[in-house]
Amino acid sequence: MSWTIIGKGGSGGGDDPVAADNLTGGWAAYFNGDLTPIVIPAATPTKLTMDATTGGIQDAYLPIGVTKIWDSANSQFDFSELKLGDMVDIRVDGSLTNSGFDESFVLNFIGAKGSAGEYTLPFASGNRLFPGTSIVSRYNGIFIGSQDMIDNPSEMEIVTTDAATGFLVDIYVKIIRRG
């Protein structure tokens, strides 16, 4: 597939054509081998960890030139093999257990962690009216829009109104590359 875009990307116009580009892609899935719940203190941003080395990694279908997207040792996304303009769709499946009534959560994607360009993307949110365990599955997309995204890791972080426990079950990542 070939696309021709007229004008300067993101600038709102112009008459200079931007060269046609081919899109390619691939995917990977990472499965948690340790389903021990993580303690999530009330109103405290908590990084969600996942060690896929003991659970399973399906990365045979990543795009050419990309060897991994999830760093199990640090529980972080690693976009260092991607380029500006590449797109990444992420599905996160997890388990969340709360013990009170009318509690809420926000699941955030923290992009370019530790850099001047660090940002927070609200990934999912919910309200639990009753105590118990619920499965959380959310799908969202990001784009590699800065060198900070390439040079720095990204993470999943959760904030709950009351103390809770939870863990990531798996992460599915679809990559669409430009060029």
C-alpha atoms as a PDB file:
ATOM      1  CA  MET A   1       0.000   0.000   0.000  1.00  0.00           C
ATOM      2  CA  SER A   2       1.375   3.411  -0.871  1.00  0.00           C
ATOM      3  CA  TRP A   3       0.155   6.746   0.416  1.00  0.00           C
ATOM      4  CA  THR A   4       0.918  10.175  -0.970  1.00  0.00           C
ATOM      5  CA  ILE A   5       0.395  13.070   1.382  1.00  0.00           C
ATOM      6  CA  ILE A   6       0.249  16.621   0.113  1.00  0.00           C
ATOM      7  CA  GLY A   7       1.415  19.351   2.463  1.00  0.00           C
ATOM      8  CA  LYS A   8       3.585  19.314   5.519  1.00  0.00           C
ATOM      9  CA  GLY A   9       2.505  16.821   8.166  1.00  0.00           C
ATOM     10  CA  GLY A  10       1.007  18.503  11.202  1.00  0.00           C
ATOM     11  CA  SER A  11       1.651  22.024   9.964  1.00  0.00           C
ATOM     12  CA  GLY A  12      -1.821  22.599   8.632  1.00  0.00           C
ATOM     13  CA  GLY A  13      -0.974  22.967   4.978  1.00  0.00           C
ATOM     14  CA  GLY A  14       1.531  23.836   2.336  1.00  0.00           C
ATOM     15  CA  ASP A  15       2.041  22.913  -1.288  1.00  0.00           C
ATOM     16  CA  ASP A  16       5.148  20.752  -0.964  1.00  0.00           C
ATOM     17  CA  PRO A  17       4.370  17.064  -1.410  1.00  0.00           C
ATOM     18  CA  VAL A  18       5.706  14.642   1.144  1.00  0.00           C
ATOM     19  CA  ALA A  19       7.134  11.474  -0.444  1.00  0.00           C
ATOM     20  CA  ALA A  20       4.894   8.431  -0.686  1.00  0.00           C
ATOM     21  CA  ASP A  21       5.385   5.949   2.103  1.00  0.00           C
ATOM     22  CA  ASN A  22       4.758   2.239   2.583  1.00  0.00           C
ATOM     23  CA  LEU A  23       3.247   0.935   5.786  1.00  0.00           C
ATOM     24  CA  THR A  24       4.371  -2.377   7.277  1.00  0.00           C
ATOM     25  CA  GLY A  25       3.574  -3.955  10.581  1.00  0.00           C
ATOM     26  CA  GLY A  26       3.627  -6.796  12.992  1.00  0.00           C
ATOM     27  CA  TRP A  27       2.679  -7.778  16.496  1.00  0.00           C
ATOM     28  CA  ALA A  28       3.835  -9.398  19.717  1.00  0.00           C
ATOM     29  CA  ALA A  29       2.193 -10.767  22.841  1.00  0.00           C
ATOM     30  CA  TYR A  30       3.688 -11.028  26.297  1.00  0.00           C
ATOM     31  CA  PHE A  31       2.195 -13.263  29.027  1.00  0.00           C
ATOM     32  CA  ASN A  32       2.759 -12.862  32.749  1.00  0.00           C
ATOM     33  CA  GLY A  33       4.355 -15.814  34.490  1.00  0.00           C
ATOM     34  CA  ASP A  34       3.819 -14.420  37.991  1.00  0.00           C
ATOM     35  CA  LEU A  35       0.200 -13.712  38.819  1.00  0.00           C
ATOM     36  CA  THR A  36       0.988 -12.643  42.386  1.00  0.00           C
ATOM     37  CA  PRO A  37      -1.046  -9.485  43.000  1.00  0.00           C
ATOM     38  CA  ILE A  38       0.795  -6.187  43.369  1.00  0.00           C
ATOM     39  CA  VAL A  39      -0.222  -4.041  46.348  1.00  0.00           C
ATOM     40  CA  ILE A  40      -1.690  -0.741  45.134  1.00  0.00           C
ATOM     41  CA  PRO A  41      -1.843   1.847  47.954  1.00  0.00           C
ATOM     42  CA  ALA A  42      -4.714   4.340  47.871  1.00  0.00           C
ATOM     43  CA  ALA A  43      -4.116   7.466  45.756  1.00  0.00           C
ATOM     44  CA  THR A  44      -0.531   6.391  44.984  1.00  0.00           C
ATOM     45  CA  PRO A  45       0.627   5.935  41.372  1.00  0.00           C
ATOM     46  CA  THR A  46       1.870   2.334  41.198  1.00  0.00           C
ATOM     47  CA  LYS A  47       3.856   0.828  38.342  1.00  0.00           C
ATOM     48  CA  LEU A  48       2.399  -2.434  37.031  1.00  0.00           C
ATOM     49  CA  THR A  49       5.052  -5.073  36.541  1.00  0.00           C
ATOM     50  CA  MET A  50       5.077  -8.178  34.378  1.00  0.00           C
ATOM     51  CA  ASP A  51       7.759 -10.811  33.838  1.00  0.00           C
ATOM     52  CA  ALA A  52       6.986 -12.417  30.496  1.00  0.00           C
ATOM     53  CA  THR A  53      10.180 -14.515  30.552  1.00  0.00           C
ATOM     54  CA  THR A  54       8.409 -17.025  32.807  1.00  0.00           C
ATOM     55  CA  GLY A  55       4.962 -16.665  31.234  1.00  0.00           C
ATOM     56  CA  GLY A  56       5.620 -16.596  27.556  1.00  0.00           C
ATOM     57  CA  ILE A  57       6.641 -14.336  24.730  1.00  0.00           C
ATOM     58  CA  GLN A  58       5.220 -14.494  21.220  1.00  0.00           C
ATOM     59  CA  ASP A  59       7.418 -12.150  19.199  1.00  0.00           C
ATOM     60  CA  ALA A  60       7.946 -14.074  15.952  1.00  0.00           C
ATOM     61  CA  TYR A  61       5.633 -11.663  14.125  1.00  0.00           C
ATOM     62  CA  LEU A  62       7.301  -8.375  15.037  1.00  0.00           C
ATOM     63  CA  PRO A  63       8.157  -6.146  12.057  1.00  0.00           C
ATOM     64  CA  ILE A  64      11.544  -6.665  10.422  1.00  0.00           C
ATOM     65  CA  GLY A  65      14.197  -4.862  12.450  1.00  0.00           C
ATOM     66  CA  VAL A  66      12.247  -4.978  15.728  1.00  0.00           C
ATOM     67  CA  THR A  67      13.317  -7.666  18.197  1.00  0.00           C
ATOM     68  CA  LYS A  68      11.285  -6.678  21.266  1.00  0.00           C
ATOM     69  CA  ILE A  69       8.834  -4.127  22.556  1.00  0.00           C
ATOM     70  CA  TRP A  70       8.440  -5.266  26.190  1.00  0.00           C
ATOM     71  CA  ASP A  71      11.423  -5.334  28.569  1.00  0.00           C
ATOM     72  CA  SER A  72      10.490  -7.967  31.174  1.00  0.00           C
ATOM     73  CA  ALA A  73      13.482  -7.241  33.409  1.00  0.00           C
ATOM     74  CA  ASN A  74      12.270  -3.659  33.978  1.00  0.00           C
ATOM     75  CA  SER A  75       8.544  -4.050  33.170  1.00  0.00           C
ATOM     76  CA  GLN A  76       8.719  -1.305  30.560  1.00  0.00           C
ATOM     77  CA  PHE A  77       7.952  -0.752  26.920  1.00  0.00           C
ATOM     78  CA  ASP A  78      11.111  -0.355  24.842  1.00  0.00           C
ATOM     79  CA  PHE A  79      10.522   1.619  21.638  1.00  0.00           C
ATOM     80  CA  SER A  80      14.236   2.074  20.856  1.00  0.00           C
ATOM     81  CA  GLU A  81      13.974   0.059  17.620  1.00  0.00           C
ATOM     82  CA  LEU A  82      11.105   2.170  16.281  1.00  0.00           C
ATOM     83  CA  LYS A  83      11.242   5.416  14.297  1.00  0.00           C
ATOM     84  CA  LEU A  84       9.462   8.734  14.444  1.00  0.00           C
ATOM     85  CA  GLY A  85       5.995   8.367  12.969  1.00  0.00           C
ATOM     86  CA  ASP A  86       5.614   4.661  13.804  1.00  0.00           C
ATOM     87  CA  MET A  87       2.356   3.725  15.523  1.00  0.00           C
ATOM     88  CA  VAL A  88       1.807   1.302  18.393  1.00  0.00           C
ATOM     89  CA  ASP A  89      -1.536  -0.141  19.474  1.00  0.00           C
ATOM     90  CA  ILE A  90      -1.520  -1.710  22.923  1.00  0.00           C
ATOM     91  CA  ARG A  91      -4.028  -4.013  24.616  1.00  0.00           C
ATOM     92  CA  VAL A  92      -3.512  -4.537  28.316  1.00  0.00           C
ATOM     93  CA  ASP A  93      -5.345  -7.301  30.199  1.00  0.00           C
ATOM     94  CA  GLY A  94      -5.215  -7.309  33.974  1.00  0.00           C
ATOM     95  CA  SER A  95      -6.947  -8.232  37.190  1.00  0.00           C
ATOM     96  CA  LEU A  96      -7.973  -5.719  39.855  1.00  0.00           C
ATOM     97  CA  THR A  97      -9.288  -6.568  43.331  1.00  0.00           C
ATOM     98  CA  ASN A  98     -10.848  -3.971  45.612  1.00  0.00           C
ATOM     99  CA  SER A  99     -12.293  -4.444  49.090  1.00  0.00           C
ATOM    100  CA  GLY A 100     -14.580  -1.449  49.484  1.00  0.00           C
ATOM    101  CA  PHE A 101     -17.624   0.090  47.876  1.00  0.00           C
ATOM    102  CA  ASP A 102     -17.686   2.777  45.188  1.00  0.00           C
ATOM    103  CA  GLU A 103     -13.961   2.754  44.406  1.00  0.00           C
ATOM    104  CA  SER A 104     -12.413   3.938  41.158  1.00  0.00           C
ATOM    105  CA  PHE A 105      -9.183   3.440  39.244  1.00  0.00           C
ATOM    106  CA  VAL A 106      -7.235   5.087  36.441  1.00  0.00           C
ATOM    107  CA  LEU A 107      -4.781   3.108  34.329  1.00  0.00           C
ATOM    108  CA  ASN A 108      -2.184   5.394  32.737  1.00  0.00           C
ATOM    109  CA  PHE A 109       0.422   4.933  30.044  1.00  0.00           C
ATOM    110  CA  ILE A 110       3.526   6.933  31.039  1.00  0.00           C
ATOM    111  CA  GLY A 111       5.416   7.743  27.840  1.00  0.00           C
ATOM    112  CA  ALA A 112       9.097   8.698  27.599  1.00  0.00           C
ATOM    113  CA  LYS A 113       9.559   8.019  31.319  1.00  0.00           C
ATOM    114  CA  GLY A 114      12.214  10.173  32.986  1.00  0.00           C
ATOM    115  CA  SER A 115      12.730  12.516  30.038  1.00  0.00           C
ATOM    116  CA  ALA A 116      11.871  16.182  29.578  1.00  0.00           C
ATOM    117  CA  GLY A 117       9.131  14.976  27.214  1.00  0.00           C
ATOM    118  CA  GLU A 118       7.513  12.554  29.697  1.00  0.00           C
ATOM    119  CA  TYR A 119       3.729  12.478  29.384  1.00  0.00           C
ATOM    120  CA  THR A 120       0.740  10.658  30.826  1.00  0.00           C
ATOM    121  CA  LEU A 121      -1.945   9.186  28.599  1.00  0.00           C
ATOM    122  CA  PRO A 122      -5.088   8.045  30.422  1.00  0.00           C
ATOM    123  CA  PHE A 123      -5.428   4.505  29.137  1.00  0.00           C
ATOM    124  CA  ALA A 124      -8.495   3.267  31.027  1.00  0.00           C
ATOM    125  CA  SER A 125     -10.630   4.103  34.022  1.00  0.00           C
ATOM    126  CA  GLY A 126     -13.444   2.501  35.902  1.00  0.00           C
ATOM    127  CA  ASN A 127     -15.609   2.527  38.970  1.00  0.00           C
ATOM    128  CA  ARG A 128     -16.177  -0.526  41.143  1.00  0.00           C
ATOM    129  CA  LEU A 129     -19.415  -0.286  43.108  1.00  0.00           C
ATOM    130  CA  PHE A 130     -18.902  -3.489  45.099  1.00  0.00           C
ATOM    131  CA  PRO A 131     -15.889  -5.362  46.514  1.00  0.00           C
ATOM    132  CA  GLY A 132     -14.383  -8.108  44.414  1.00  0.00           C
ATOM    133  CA  THR A 133     -12.120  -8.978  41.528  1.00  0.00           C
ATOM    134  CA  SER A 134     -12.677  -7.762  38.010  1.00  0.00           C
ATOM    135  CA  ILE A 135     -10.878  -8.308  34.754  1.00  0.00           C
ATOM    136  CA  VAL A 136      -9.726  -5.114  33.069  1.00  0.00           C
ATOM    137  CA  SER A 137      -9.017  -5.188  29.351  1.00  0.00           C
ATOM    138  CA  ARG A 138      -8.261  -1.998  27.432  1.00  0.00           C
ATOM    139  CA  TYR A 139      -6.985  -1.227  23.951  1.00  0.00           C
ATOM    140  CA  ASN A 140      -5.459   2.103  22.986  1.00  0.00           C
ATOM    141  CA  GLY A 141      -3.001   3.536  20.501  1.00  0.00           C
ATOM    142  CA  ILE A 142       0.029   5.783  20.670  1.00  0.00           C
ATOM    143  CA  PHE A 143       2.489   7.115  18.133  1.00  0.00           C
ATOM    144  CA  ILE A 144       6.220   7.648  18.277  1.00  0.00           C
ATOM    145  CA  GLY A 145       6.142  11.422  18.050  1.00  0.00           C
ATOM    146  CA  SER A 146       9.447  12.402  19.623  1.00  0.00           C
ATOM    147  CA  GLN A 147      12.987  11.184  20.086  1.00  0.00           C
ATOM    148  CA  ASP A 148      12.214  11.022  23.820  1.00  0.00           C
ATOM    149  CA  MET A 149       9.835   8.117  23.087  1.00  0.00           C
ATOM    150  CA  ILE A 150      12.657   6.253  21.332  1.00  0.00           C
ATOM    151  CA  ASP A 151      15.370   7.037  23.872  1.00  0.00           C
ATOM    152  CA  ASN A 152      13.360   6.425  27.067  1.00  0.00           C
ATOM    153  CA  PRO A 153      11.148   3.587  28.318  1.00  0.00           C
ATOM    154  CA  SER A 154       7.396   3.767  28.858  1.00  0.00           C
ATOM    155  CA  GLU A 155       5.341   2.135  31.611  1.00  0.00           C
ATOM    156  CA  MET A 156       1.841   1.232  32.744  1.00  0.00           C
ATOM    157  CA  GLU A 157       0.796   2.826  36.035  1.00  0.00           C
ATOM    158  CA  ILE A 158      -2.402   2.551  38.057  1.00  0.00           C
ATOM    159  CA  VAL A 159      -3.972   4.865  40.650  1.00  0.00           C
ATOM    160  CA  THR A 160      -6.902   3.765  42.822  1.00  0.00           C
ATOM    161  CA  THR A 161      -9.064   5.751  45.237  1.00  0.00           C
ATOM    162  CA  ASP A 162      -8.684   3.054  47.902  1.00  0.00           C
ATOM    163  CA  ALA A 163      -6.110   0.345  48.521  1.00  0.00           C
ATOM    164  CA  ALA A 164      -6.363  -2.523  46.049  1.00  0.00           C
ATOM    165  CA  THR A 165      -4.328  -5.333  44.515  1.00  0.00           C
ATOM    166  CA  GLY A 166      -3.842  -6.274  40.911  1.00  0.00           C
ATOM    167  CA  PHE A 167      -1.596  -7.678  38.230  1.00  0.00           C
ATOM    168  CA  LEU A 168      -1.109  -7.655  34.487  1.00  0.00           C
ATOM    169  CA  VAL A 169      -2.196 -10.859  32.759  1.00  0.00           C
ATOM    170  CA  ASP A 170      -0.818 -10.087  29.317  1.00  0.00           C
ATOM    171  CA  ILE A 171       0.050  -7.334  26.857  1.00  0.00           C
ATOM    172  CA  TYR A 172      -0.614  -7.434  23.117  1.00  0.00           C
ATOM    173  CA  VAL A 173       1.202  -4.902  20.924  1.00  0.00           C
ATOM    174  CA  LYS A 174       0.536  -4.117  17.251  1.00  0.00           C
ATOM    175  CA  ILE A 175       3.142  -2.032  15.444  1.00  0.00           C
ATOM    176  CA  ILE A 176       2.562  -0.102  12.246  1.00  0.00           C
ATOM    177  CA  ARG A 177       5.815   1.193  10.762  1.00  0.00           C
ATOM    178  CA  ARG A 178       6.282   3.929   8.209  1.00  0.00           C
ATOM    179  CA  GLY A 179       8.763   3.207   5.487  1.00  0.00           C
END
